[in-house]
């Protein structure tokens, strides 16, 4: 049981790191767009941000599943 709890903990840390990477990438892209003063292709930037958002939401969903599994495991012990 302890091994499973440790696996969930490691997965949670990993997913939080991936979410942080997505947030950092989003901030970098938005700063780039600001620096370009409208010289970037808005559609391309929007598509890029939406794709990044979808990846982030997928990781957040995975995190939610992991946290739920962790909570269920702790209620059993």
Protein backbone atom coordinates (compact mmCIF):
# COMPACT_ATOMS: atom_id res chain seq x y z
CA UNK A 1 0.00 0.00 0.00
CA UNK A 2 2.88 2.35 0.80
CA UNK A 3 4.38 1.76 -2.66
CA UNK A 4 1.12 2.78 -4.31
CA UNK A 5 0.93 5.95 -2.20
CA UNK A 6 4.51 6.81 -3.17
CA UNK A 7 3.71 6.25 -6.84
CA UNK A 8 0.73 8.60 -6.59
CA UNK A 9 2.89 11.19 -4.84
CA UNK A 10 5.55 11.00 -7.57
CA UNK A 11 2.92 11.21 -10.29
CA UNK A 12 1.36 14.25 -8.62
CA UNK A 13 4.73 16.01 -8.47
CA UNK A 14 5.42 15.13 -12.10
CA UNK A 15 2.03 16.45 -13.27
CA UNK A 16 2.40 19.67 -11.27
CA UNK A 17 5.76 20.18 -12.98
CA UNK A 18 4.23 19.66 -16.41
CA UNK A 19 1.46 22.14 -15.61
CA UNK A 20 4.08 24.66 -14.51
CA UNK A 21 5.93 24.19 -17.81
CA UNK A 22 2.69 24.87 -19.71
CA UNK A 23 2.08 28.03 -17.69
CA UNK A 24 5.65 29.21 -18.29
CA UNK A 25 5.36 28.56 -22.03
CA UNK A 26 2.09 30.47 -22.14
CA UNK A 27 3.70 33.44 -20.41
CA UNK A 28 6.65 33.35 -22.81
CA UNK A 29 4.35 33.29 -25.84
CA UNK A 30 2.23 36.16 -24.52
CA UNK A 31 5.32 38.23 -23.75
CA UNK A 32 6.64 37.52 -27.25
CA UNK A 33 3.36 38.72 -28.79
CA UNK A 34 3.51 41.90 -26.68
CA UNK A 35 7.10 42.57 -27.75
CA UNK A 36 6.23 42.17 -31.43
CA UNK A 37 3.68 45.02 -31.29
CA UNK A 38 1.18 43.26 -33.54
CA UNK A 39 3.77 42.00 -36.03
CA UNK A 40 2.96 38.33 -35.37
CA UNK A 41 0.26 36.31 -37.08
CA UNK A 42 -2.61 36.45 -34.60
CA UNK A 43 -4.21 33.24 -35.82
CA UNK A 44 -0.99 31.28 -35.48
CA UNK A 45 -0.40 32.61 -31.97
CA UNK A 46 -3.99 31.86 -30.98
CA UNK A 47 -3.74 28.31 -32.37
CA UNK A 48 -0.48 27.82 -30.49
CA UNK A 49 -1.96 29.07 -27.22
CA UNK A 50 -5.10 26.97 -27.62
CA UNK A 51 -3.01 23.86 -28.27
CA UNK A 52 -0.92 24.60 -25.22
CA UNK A 53 -4.09 25.19 -23.19
CA UNK A 54 -5.44 21.78 -24.23
CA UNK A 55 -2.23 20.08 -23.12
CA UNK A 56 -2.39 21.91 -19.80
CA UNK A 57 -6.03 20.93 -19.25
CA UNK A 58 -5.21 17.30 -20.02
CA UNK A 59 -2.48 17.38 -17.39
CA UNK A 60 -4.82 19.05 -14.91
CA UNK A 61 -7.37 16.29 -15.52
CA UNK A 62 -4.69 13.66 -14.96
CA UNK A 63 -3.71 15.45 -11.77
CA UNK A 64 -7.32 15.41 -10.59
CA UNK A 65 -7.55 11.65 -11.21
CA UNK A 66 -4.29 11.10 -9.34
CA UNK A 67 -5.40 13.22 -6.39
CA UNK A 68 -8.72 11.38 -6.25
CA UNK A 69 -6.98 8.01 -6.30
CA UNK A 70 -4.66 9.23 -3.55
CA UNK A 71 -7.62 10.37 -1.46
CA UNK A 72 -9.38 7.04 -1.91
CA UNK A 73 -6.25 5.17 -0.93
CA UNK A 74 -5.81 7.25 2.24
CA UNK A 75 -9.43 6.65 3.23
CA UNK A 76 -8.87 2.89 3.04
CA UNK A 77 -5.88 2.90 5.38
